[in-house]
Amino acid sequence: MAALPLLLVAASAACGSCSRAAAKESYGATLYRRDCSTCHGLDGRGRHAACPPLAGHAPALVSVPGGREYLVRVPLFGVAGAIEVAGMRYDGTMTSLDFRRDAELAAILNHVLTAWGNDRLLPPLHRPIGEGEIAAARREQRSAAQVRSLRPAVVLCSVGIGGWRD
């Protein structure tokens, strides 16, 4: 009989952590919708010839050496310069979201990495982006052009949504 209250406490704690995880994910989705979806789309597929897709492409970035570091710095400092995604050239400027707190930028990035089927494309040992990573990068004070120079200089390929390829 004494085990029943312990079981209820354990179940209650588990539900609480599920609620917190769901709230954190929806927080990232809310911030993404507010700050990023105008350009990258609610579905993460970008805008043809204007803004690159994130669906299917963001997991490819974190899968290559230097890609995670690049991805962390993009919303923090912005990015300027030509890139190619899925055979499409994008040559514009993404403005910085440095007004967002570290935890907010981490929530946005984690949403991007898990939305639209991206979660199925992440590398096996992927760990969520932490606000400590954002805080460390923030101390660098990079320009948007400097962030572009960090973009991994390898051919990126993801066989996921849309078959994005650099």
N, C-alpha and C. Protein backbone atom coordinates (compact mmCIF):
# COMPACT_ATOMS: atom_id res chain seq x y z
N MET A 1 0.81 -1.20 0.00
CA MET A 1 0.00 0.00 0.00
C MET A 1 0.86 1.26 0.00
N ALA A 2 2.02 1.22 0.69
CA ALA A 2 2.89 2.40 0.75
C ALA A 2 3.50 2.71 -0.61
N ALA A 3 3.58 1.73 -1.49
CA ALA A 3 4.18 1.95 -2.81
C ALA A 3 3.29 2.80 -3.71
N LEU A 4 1.96 2.75 -3.48
CA LEU A 4 1.05 3.51 -4.32
C LEU A 4 1.30 5.01 -4.26
N PRO A 5 1.46 5.63 -3.06
CA PRO A 5 1.74 7.07 -3.05
C PRO A 5 3.05 7.41 -3.76
N LEU A 6 4.07 6.56 -3.62
CA LEU A 6 5.34 6.82 -4.30
C LEU A 6 5.16 6.75 -5.81
N LEU A 7 4.36 5.80 -6.26
CA LEU A 7 4.10 5.66 -7.68
C LEU A 7 3.37 6.89 -8.21
N LEU A 8 2.40 7.39 -7.45
CA LEU A 8 1.67 8.59 -7.86
C LEU A 8 2.59 9.81 -7.91
N VAL A 9 3.49 9.94 -6.94
CA VAL A 9 4.44 11.05 -6.93
C VAL A 9 5.36 10.96 -8.15
N ALA A 10 5.84 9.76 -8.45
CA ALA A 10 6.72 9.57 -9.60
C ALA A 10 5.99 9.90 -10.90
N ALA A 11 4.74 9.44 -11.03
CA ALA A 11 3.97 9.72 -12.24
C ALA A 11 3.71 11.21 -12.37
N SER A 12 3.41 11.86 -11.26
CA SER A 12 3.17 13.30 -11.28
C SER A 12 4.42 14.06 -11.70
N ALA A 13 5.57 13.66 -11.19
CA ALA A 13 6.83 14.32 -11.55
C ALA A 13 7.12 14.11 -13.04
N ALA A 14 6.86 12.92 -13.55
CA ALA A 14 7.09 12.65 -14.96
C ALA A 14 6.20 13.52 -15.83
N CYS A 15 4.94 13.66 -15.45
CA CYS A 15 4.03 14.50 -16.22
C CYS A 15 4.47 15.95 -16.17
N GLY A 16 4.97 16.39 -15.04
CA GLY A 16 5.46 17.77 -14.91
C GLY A 16 6.62 18.04 -15.84
N SER A 17 7.55 17.09 -15.96
CA SER A 17 8.69 17.31 -16.85
C SER A 17 8.24 17.26 -18.30
N CYS A 18 7.23 16.43 -18.62
CA CYS A 18 6.70 16.43 -19.98
C CYS A 18 6.07 17.77 -20.30
N SER A 19 5.34 18.34 -19.35
CA SER A 19 4.71 19.64 -19.57
C SER A 19 5.76 20.72 -19.78
N ARG A 20 6.83 20.67 -18.99
CA ARG A 20 7.89 21.66 -19.15
C ARG A 20 8.56 21.52 -20.52
N ALA A 21 8.80 20.29 -20.96
CA ALA A 21 9.42 20.07 -22.26
C ALA A 21 8.51 20.58 -23.38
N ALA A 22 7.21 20.30 -23.28
CA ALA A 22 6.26 20.76 -24.30
C ALA A 22 6.18 22.28 -24.30
N ALA A 23 6.19 22.89 -23.11
CA ALA A 23 6.14 24.35 -23.03
C ALA A 23 7.39 24.97 -23.64
N LYS A 24 8.56 24.37 -23.38
CA LYS A 24 9.80 24.90 -23.92
C LYS A 24 9.80 24.80 -25.45
N GLU A 25 9.33 23.68 -25.97
CA GLU A 25 9.28 23.51 -27.42
C GLU A 25 8.31 24.52 -28.04
N SER A 26 7.15 24.71 -27.44
CA SER A 26 6.20 25.66 -28.00
C SER A 26 6.73 27.08 -27.88
N TYR A 27 7.53 27.35 -26.88
CA TYR A 27 8.16 28.67 -26.72
C TYR A 27 9.09 28.93 -27.91
N GLY A 28 9.90 27.95 -28.27
CA GLY A 28 10.78 28.10 -29.44
C GLY A 28 9.97 28.27 -30.71
N ALA A 29 8.86 27.54 -30.83
CA ALA A 29 8.00 27.66 -32.01
C ALA A 29 7.36 29.05 -32.06
N THR A 30 6.94 29.55 -30.92
CA THR A 30 6.34 30.90 -30.86
C THR A 30 7.35 31.95 -31.28
N LEU A 31 8.57 31.86 -30.76
CA LEU A 31 9.62 32.82 -31.12
C LEU A 31 9.98 32.69 -32.60
N TYR A 32 10.06 31.47 -33.09
CA TYR A 32 10.35 31.26 -34.51
C TYR A 32 9.26 31.93 -35.36
N ARG A 33 8.01 31.68 -35.01
CA ARG A 33 6.91 32.24 -35.78
C ARG A 33 7.00 33.78 -35.80
N ARG A 34 7.34 34.36 -34.66
CA ARG A 34 7.42 35.82 -34.55
C ARG A 34 8.62 36.39 -35.29
N ASP A 35 9.80 35.78 -35.15
CA ASP A 35 11.04 36.38 -35.62
C ASP A 35 11.59 35.81 -36.93
N CYS A 36 11.18 34.62 -37.31
CA CYS A 36 11.85 33.94 -38.42
C CYS A 36 10.94 33.52 -39.57
N SER A 37 9.66 33.29 -39.28
CA SER A 37 8.78 32.68 -40.28
C SER A 37 8.48 33.59 -41.47
N THR A 38 8.56 34.90 -41.31
CA THR A 38 8.31 35.79 -42.43
C THR A 38 9.26 35.47 -43.58
N CYS A 39 10.49 35.19 -43.25
CA CYS A 39 11.49 34.88 -44.28
C CYS A 39 11.62 33.38 -44.55
N HIS A 40 11.70 32.59 -43.50
CA HIS A 40 11.97 31.15 -43.67
C HIS A 40 10.70 30.32 -43.77
N GLY A 41 9.54 30.94 -43.59
CA GLY A 41 8.26 30.25 -43.72
C GLY A 41 7.85 29.50 -42.48
N LEU A 42 6.54 29.40 -42.28
CA LEU A 42 6.02 28.63 -41.16
C LEU A 42 6.42 27.16 -41.29
N ASP A 43 6.60 26.70 -42.53
CA ASP A 43 6.98 25.31 -42.78
C ASP A 43 8.49 25.12 -42.91
N GLY A 44 9.27 26.18 -42.71
CA GLY A 44 10.72 26.08 -42.77
C GLY A 44 11.30 25.92 -44.16
N ARG A 45 10.49 26.07 -45.19
CA ARG A 45 10.97 25.84 -46.56
C ARG A 45 11.52 27.10 -47.22
N GLY A 46 11.58 28.20 -46.49
CA GLY A 46 12.16 29.42 -47.04
C GLY A 46 11.27 30.06 -48.08
N ARG A 47 11.81 31.07 -48.73
CA ARG A 47 11.12 31.76 -49.82
C ARG A 47 11.99 31.67 -51.05
N HIS A 48 11.44 31.15 -52.10
CA HIS A 48 12.17 30.91 -53.35
C HIS A 48 13.01 32.12 -53.74
N ALA A 49 14.29 31.91 -53.93
CA ALA A 49 15.26 32.92 -54.37
C ALA A 49 15.46 34.07 -53.40
N ALA A 50 14.84 34.00 -52.22
CA ALA A 50 15.00 35.10 -51.26
C ALA A 50 15.62 34.64 -49.94
N CYS A 51 15.05 33.60 -49.35
CA CYS A 51 15.51 33.12 -48.04
C CYS A 51 15.64 31.61 -48.06
N PRO A 52 16.76 31.09 -47.61
CA PRO A 52 17.01 29.64 -47.71
C PRO A 52 16.11 28.82 -46.79
N PRO A 53 15.90 27.56 -47.17
CA PRO A 53 15.11 26.66 -46.34
C PRO A 53 15.89 26.23 -45.10
N LEU A 54 15.15 25.94 -44.06
CA LEU A 54 15.72 25.36 -42.85
C LEU A 54 15.29 23.90 -42.72
N ALA A 55 14.12 23.58 -43.24
CA ALA A 55 13.62 22.20 -43.22
C ALA A 55 14.54 21.34 -44.07
N GLY A 56 15.07 20.30 -43.47
CA GLY A 56 15.96 19.40 -44.18
C GLY A 56 17.39 19.87 -44.28
N HIS A 57 17.62 21.16 -44.09
CA HIS A 57 18.96 21.71 -44.24
C HIS A 57 19.67 21.95 -42.91
N ALA A 58 18.96 22.44 -41.91
CA ALA A 58 19.58 22.71 -40.61
C ALA A 58 20.24 21.45 -40.02
N PRO A 59 19.61 20.27 -40.09
CA PRO A 59 20.28 19.08 -39.57
C PRO A 59 21.57 18.75 -40.32
N ALA A 60 21.60 19.05 -41.61
CA ALA A 60 22.83 18.81 -42.38
C ALA A 60 23.95 19.69 -41.86
N LEU A 61 23.61 20.92 -41.48
CA LEU A 61 24.63 21.83 -40.95
C LEU A 61 25.24 21.29 -39.66
N VAL A 62 24.39 20.84 -38.73
CA VAL A 62 24.94 20.37 -37.46
C VAL A 62 25.62 19.02 -37.58
N SER A 63 25.52 18.41 -38.74
CA SER A 63 26.13 17.09 -38.95
C SER A 63 27.56 17.15 -39.45
N VAL A 64 28.04 18.34 -39.82
CA VAL A 64 29.40 18.46 -40.36
C VAL A 64 30.27 19.27 -39.40
N PRO A 65 31.58 19.04 -39.43
CA PRO A 65 32.48 19.81 -38.57
C PRO A 65 32.31 21.32 -38.77
N GLY A 66 32.16 22.03 -37.69
CA GLY A 66 31.99 23.48 -37.72
C GLY A 66 30.56 23.94 -37.96
N GLY A 67 29.70 23.03 -38.34
CA GLY A 67 28.32 23.40 -38.66
C GLY A 67 27.52 23.87 -37.46
N ARG A 68 27.69 23.21 -36.34
CA ARG A 68 26.96 23.60 -35.12
C ARG A 68 27.37 25.01 -34.71
N GLU A 69 28.67 25.27 -34.73
CA GLU A 69 29.18 26.58 -34.35
C GLU A 69 28.64 27.65 -35.29
N TYR A 70 28.61 27.34 -36.57
CA TYR A 70 28.05 28.28 -37.55
C TYR A 70 26.58 28.55 -37.26
N LEU A 71 25.81 27.48 -37.08
CA LEU A 71 24.37 27.61 -36.85
C LEU A 71 24.07 28.44 -35.60
N VAL A 72 24.85 28.28 -34.55
CA VAL A 72 24.66 29.05 -33.32
C VAL A 72 24.87 30.54 -33.60
N ARG A 73 25.80 30.87 -34.45
CA ARG A 73 26.15 32.27 -34.69
C ARG A 73 25.23 32.98 -35.69
N VAL A 74 24.54 32.24 -36.52
CA VAL A 74 23.69 32.86 -37.54
C VAL A 74 22.61 33.76 -36.92
N PRO A 75 21.76 33.27 -36.02
CA PRO A 75 20.74 34.18 -35.48
C PRO A 75 21.34 35.22 -34.53
N LEU A 76 22.47 34.92 -33.94
CA LEU A 76 23.09 35.84 -32.99
C LEU A 76 23.69 37.06 -33.67
N PHE A 77 24.38 36.86 -34.79
CA PHE A 77 25.07 37.96 -35.47
C PHE A 77 24.50 38.25 -36.86
N GLY A 78 23.62 37.40 -37.36
CA GLY A 78 23.15 37.52 -38.73
C GLY A 78 24.15 36.88 -39.66
N VAL A 79 23.85 36.88 -40.94
CA VAL A 79 24.77 36.34 -41.94
C VAL A 79 24.59 37.14 -43.22
N ALA A 80 25.70 37.43 -43.87
CA ALA A 80 25.66 38.19 -45.13
C ALA A 80 26.60 37.55 -46.12
N GLY A 81 26.12 37.36 -47.31
CA GLY A 81 26.95 36.78 -48.37
C GLY A 81 26.24 35.63 -49.04
N ALA A 82 26.79 35.22 -50.15
CA ALA A 82 26.16 34.17 -50.96
C ALA A 82 26.33 32.79 -50.33
N ILE A 83 25.25 32.04 -50.35
CA ILE A 83 25.27 30.63 -49.97
C ILE A 83 24.44 29.89 -51.01
N GLU A 84 24.63 28.60 -51.08
CA GLU A 84 23.83 27.78 -51.98
C GLU A 84 23.19 26.66 -51.18
N VAL A 85 21.90 26.49 -51.37
CA VAL A 85 21.16 25.41 -50.71
C VAL A 85 20.27 24.77 -51.76
N ALA A 86 20.37 23.48 -51.89
CA ALA A 86 19.55 22.71 -52.84
C ALA A 86 19.67 23.26 -54.25
N GLY A 87 20.89 23.66 -54.61
CA GLY A 87 21.12 24.16 -55.96
C GLY A 87 20.63 25.58 -56.20
N MET A 88 20.11 26.22 -55.17
CA MET A 88 19.61 27.59 -55.28
C MET A 88 20.58 28.53 -54.58
N ARG A 89 20.92 29.62 -55.25
CA ARG A 89 21.83 30.60 -54.67
C ARG A 89 21.03 31.66 -53.92
N TYR A 90 21.47 31.96 -52.72
CA TYR A 90 20.89 33.01 -51.89
C TYR A 90 22.00 34.00 -51.58
N ASP A 91 21.80 35.25 -51.91
CA ASP A 91 22.83 36.25 -51.68
C ASP A 91 22.17 37.48 -51.04
N GLY A 92 21.96 37.36 -49.77
CA GLY A 92 21.29 38.44 -49.05
C GLY A 92 21.90 38.60 -47.67
N THR A 93 21.15 39.27 -46.84
CA THR A 93 21.60 39.49 -45.47
C THR A 93 20.49 39.10 -44.51
N MET A 94 20.82 38.26 -43.57
CA MET A 94 19.91 37.97 -42.47
C MET A 94 20.31 38.87 -41.32
N THR A 95 19.34 39.60 -40.80
CA THR A 95 19.64 40.50 -39.69
C THR A 95 19.84 39.72 -38.40
N SER A 96 20.54 40.31 -37.50
CA SER A 96 20.84 39.71 -36.21
C SER A 96 19.60 39.69 -35.31
N LEU A 97 19.51 38.66 -34.52
CA LEU A 97 18.48 38.58 -33.48
C LEU A 97 19.14 38.74 -32.11
N ASP A 98 20.20 39.53 -32.05
CA ASP A 98 20.96 39.65 -30.80
C ASP A 98 20.18 40.32 -29.67
N PHE A 99 19.02 40.88 -29.97
CA PHE A 99 18.17 41.43 -28.92
C PHE A 99 17.51 40.32 -28.10
N ARG A 100 17.50 39.11 -28.64
CA ARG A 100 16.94 37.96 -27.92
C ARG A 100 17.93 37.47 -26.87
N ARG A 101 17.40 37.01 -25.75
CA ARG A 101 18.23 36.42 -24.70
C ARG A 101 18.80 35.09 -25.18
N ASP A 102 19.86 34.65 -24.51
CA ASP A 102 20.52 33.40 -24.88
C ASP A 102 19.54 32.22 -24.88
N ALA A 103 18.71 32.13 -23.86
CA ALA A 103 17.75 31.04 -23.77
C ALA A 103 16.74 31.09 -24.91
N GLU A 104 16.36 32.30 -25.33
CA GLU A 104 15.42 32.44 -26.44
C GLU A 104 16.03 31.98 -27.75
N LEU A 105 17.28 32.36 -28.01
CA LEU A 105 17.95 31.92 -29.24
C LEU A 105 18.14 30.42 -29.24
N ALA A 106 18.48 29.85 -28.09
CA ALA A 106 18.61 28.39 -28.00
C ALA A 106 17.27 27.72 -28.30
N ALA A 107 16.18 28.28 -27.78
CA ALA A 107 14.85 27.71 -28.03
C ALA A 107 14.49 27.77 -29.51
N ILE A 108 14.80 28.89 -30.16
CA ILE A 108 14.53 29.01 -31.60
C ILE A 108 15.33 27.97 -32.37
N LEU A 109 16.63 27.87 -32.09
CA LEU A 109 17.47 26.91 -32.81
C LEU A 109 17.02 25.48 -32.59
N ASN A 110 16.65 25.15 -31.36
CA ASN A 110 16.19 23.79 -31.08
C ASN A 110 14.87 23.51 -31.76
N HIS A 111 14.03 24.51 -31.89
CA HIS A 111 12.79 24.33 -32.66
C HIS A 111 13.13 24.04 -34.12
N VAL A 112 14.01 24.83 -34.70
CA VAL A 112 14.41 24.64 -36.10
C VAL A 112 14.98 23.25 -36.30
N LEU A 113 15.77 22.77 -35.36
CA LEU A 113 16.42 21.47 -35.51
C LEU A 113 15.47 20.29 -35.30
N THR A 114 14.28 20.54 -34.74
CA THR A 114 13.37 19.42 -34.48
C THR A 114 12.04 19.53 -35.21
N ALA A 115 11.76 20.67 -35.85
CA ALA A 115 10.49 20.86 -36.55
C ALA A 115 10.58 20.30 -37.98
N TRP A 116 9.43 20.13 -38.60
CA TRP A 116 9.31 19.78 -40.03
C TRP A 116 10.00 18.46 -40.40
N GLY A 117 10.14 17.56 -39.46
CA GLY A 117 10.83 16.30 -39.71
C GLY A 117 12.33 16.38 -39.56
N ASN A 118 12.85 17.55 -39.21
CA ASN A 118 14.30 17.70 -39.02
C ASN A 118 14.82 16.78 -37.92
N ASP A 119 13.99 16.51 -36.91
CA ASP A 119 14.43 15.64 -35.81
C ASP A 119 14.87 14.27 -36.31
N ARG A 120 14.26 13.77 -37.38
CA ARG A 120 14.64 12.46 -37.94
C ARG A 120 15.96 12.51 -38.70
N LEU A 121 16.43 13.72 -39.01
CA LEU A 121 17.65 13.88 -39.80
C LEU A 121 18.88 14.25 -38.97
N LEU A 122 18.68 14.45 -37.67
CA LEU A 122 19.79 14.84 -36.80
C LEU A 122 20.77 13.69 -36.63
N PRO A 123 22.04 14.01 -36.42
CA PRO A 123 23.02 12.94 -36.18
C PRO A 123 22.67 12.19 -34.90
N PRO A 124 23.06 10.93 -34.79
CA PRO A 124 22.68 10.09 -33.64
C PRO A 124 23.06 10.67 -32.28
N LEU A 125 24.17 11.33 -32.16
CA LEU A 125 24.61 11.84 -30.86
C LEU A 125 24.28 13.32 -30.67
N HIS A 126 23.34 13.84 -31.46
CA HIS A 126 22.98 15.25 -31.35
C HIS A 126 22.46 15.57 -29.95
N ARG A 127 22.89 16.72 -29.44
CA ARG A 127 22.36 17.23 -28.18
C ARG A 127 21.78 18.61 -28.44
N PRO A 128 20.73 18.99 -27.74
CA PRO A 128 20.12 20.30 -27.97
C PRO A 128 21.13 21.43 -27.77
N ILE A 129 20.92 22.51 -28.47
CA ILE A 129 21.76 23.70 -28.31
C ILE A 129 21.44 24.31 -26.95
N GLY A 130 22.48 24.62 -26.20
CA GLY A 130 22.28 25.18 -24.87
C GLY A 130 22.52 26.68 -24.84
N GLU A 131 21.89 27.33 -23.87
CA GLU A 131 22.07 28.78 -23.78
C GLU A 131 23.52 29.14 -23.47
N GLY A 132 24.28 28.24 -22.85
CA GLY A 132 25.71 28.48 -22.61
C GLY A 132 26.49 28.61 -23.91
N GLU A 133 26.09 27.84 -24.94
CA GLU A 133 26.74 27.95 -26.25
C GLU A 133 26.48 29.32 -26.87
N ILE A 134 25.26 29.80 -26.70
CA ILE A 134 24.91 31.12 -27.23
C ILE A 134 25.69 32.19 -26.48
N ALA A 135 25.74 32.08 -25.16
CA ALA A 135 26.46 33.08 -24.34
C ALA A 135 27.93 33.14 -24.72
N ALA A 136 28.56 31.98 -24.93
CA ALA A 136 29.97 31.94 -25.31
C ALA A 136 30.18 32.59 -26.68
N ALA A 137 29.30 32.28 -27.62
CA ALA A 137 29.42 32.86 -28.96
C ALA A 137 29.17 34.36 -28.93
N ARG A 138 28.25 34.81 -28.09
CA ARG A 138 27.91 36.24 -28.02
C ARG A 138 29.14 37.08 -27.66
N ARG A 139 30.04 36.53 -26.89
CA ARG A 139 31.24 37.28 -26.48
C ARG A 139 32.19 37.54 -27.66
N GLU A 140 32.00 36.85 -28.78
CA GLU A 140 32.90 36.99 -29.93
C GLU A 140 32.69 38.28 -30.72
N GLN A 141 31.51 38.84 -30.72
CA GLN A 141 31.21 40.08 -31.46
C GLN A 141 31.61 39.97 -32.93
N ARG A 142 30.99 39.08 -33.68
CA ARG A 142 31.27 38.90 -35.10
C ARG A 142 30.32 39.72 -35.96
N SER A 143 30.76 40.04 -37.16
CA SER A 143 29.88 40.68 -38.13
C SER A 143 29.15 39.59 -38.92
N ALA A 144 28.11 39.98 -39.63
CA ALA A 144 27.36 39.03 -40.45
C ALA A 144 28.25 38.43 -41.55
N ALA A 145 29.16 39.22 -42.09
CA ALA A 145 30.09 38.71 -43.12
C ALA A 145 31.07 37.71 -42.51
N GLN A 146 31.51 37.96 -41.29
CA GLN A 146 32.41 37.01 -40.62
C GLN A 146 31.70 35.69 -40.35
N VAL A 147 30.42 35.76 -40.02
CA VAL A 147 29.65 34.53 -39.80
C VAL A 147 29.58 33.75 -41.11
N ARG A 148 29.36 34.42 -42.22
CA ARG A 148 29.33 33.73 -43.52
C ARG A 148 30.62 32.97 -43.76
N SER A 149 31.74 33.54 -43.37
CA SER A 149 33.03 32.88 -43.60
C SER A 149 33.18 31.62 -42.74
N LEU A 150 32.36 31.47 -41.72
CA LEU A 150 32.40 30.27 -40.88
C LEU A 150 31.60 29.10 -41.47
N ARG A 151 30.78 29.40 -42.46
CA ARG A 151 29.94 28.35 -43.04
C ARG A 151 30.82 27.20 -43.50
N PRO A 152 30.48 25.99 -43.10
CA PRO A 152 31.32 24.85 -43.48
C PRO A 152 31.57 24.81 -44.98
N ALA A 153 32.82 24.66 -45.32
CA ALA A 153 33.23 24.65 -46.72
C ALA A 153 33.22 23.24 -47.28
N VAL A 154 32.19 22.51 -46.96
CA VAL A 154 32.05 21.15 -47.47
C VAL A 154 30.72 21.06 -48.19
N VAL A 155 30.57 20.07 -49.01
CA VAL A 155 29.29 19.86 -49.67
C VAL A 155 28.37 19.22 -48.65
N LEU A 156 27.26 19.92 -48.39
CA LEU A 156 26.28 19.40 -47.44
C LEU A 156 25.20 18.67 -48.22
N CYS A 157 24.80 17.55 -47.70
CA CYS A 157 23.75 16.81 -48.38
C CYS A 157 22.86 16.17 -47.34
N SER A 158 21.57 16.36 -47.49
CA SER A 158 20.60 15.72 -46.63
C SER A 158 19.57 15.05 -47.53
N VAL A 159 19.29 13.80 -47.26
CA VAL A 159 18.33 13.10 -48.09
C VAL A 159 16.93 13.24 -47.53
N GLY A 160 16.75 14.15 -46.62
CA GLY A 160 15.46 14.35 -45.97
C GLY A 160 14.50 15.14 -46.83
N ILE A 161 13.72 15.94 -46.16
CA ILE A 161 12.66 16.72 -46.77
C ILE A 161 13.21 17.54 -47.94
N GLY A 162 12.67 17.31 -49.10
CA GLY A 162 13.05 18.10 -50.26
C GLY A 162 14.42 17.79 -50.83
N GLY A 163 15.18 16.89 -50.18
CA GLY A 163 16.50 16.55 -50.69
C GLY A 163 17.44 17.72 -50.78
N TRP A 164 17.46 18.60 -49.78
CA TRP A 164 18.30 19.79 -49.82
C TRP A 164 19.76 19.40 -50.00
N ARG A 165 20.45 20.20 -50.72
CA ARG A 165 21.88 19.92 -50.92
C ARG A 165 22.62 21.22 -51.17
N ASP A 166 23.77 21.35 -50.57
CA ASP A 166 24.66 22.47 -50.83
C ASP A 166 25.68 22.03 -51.84
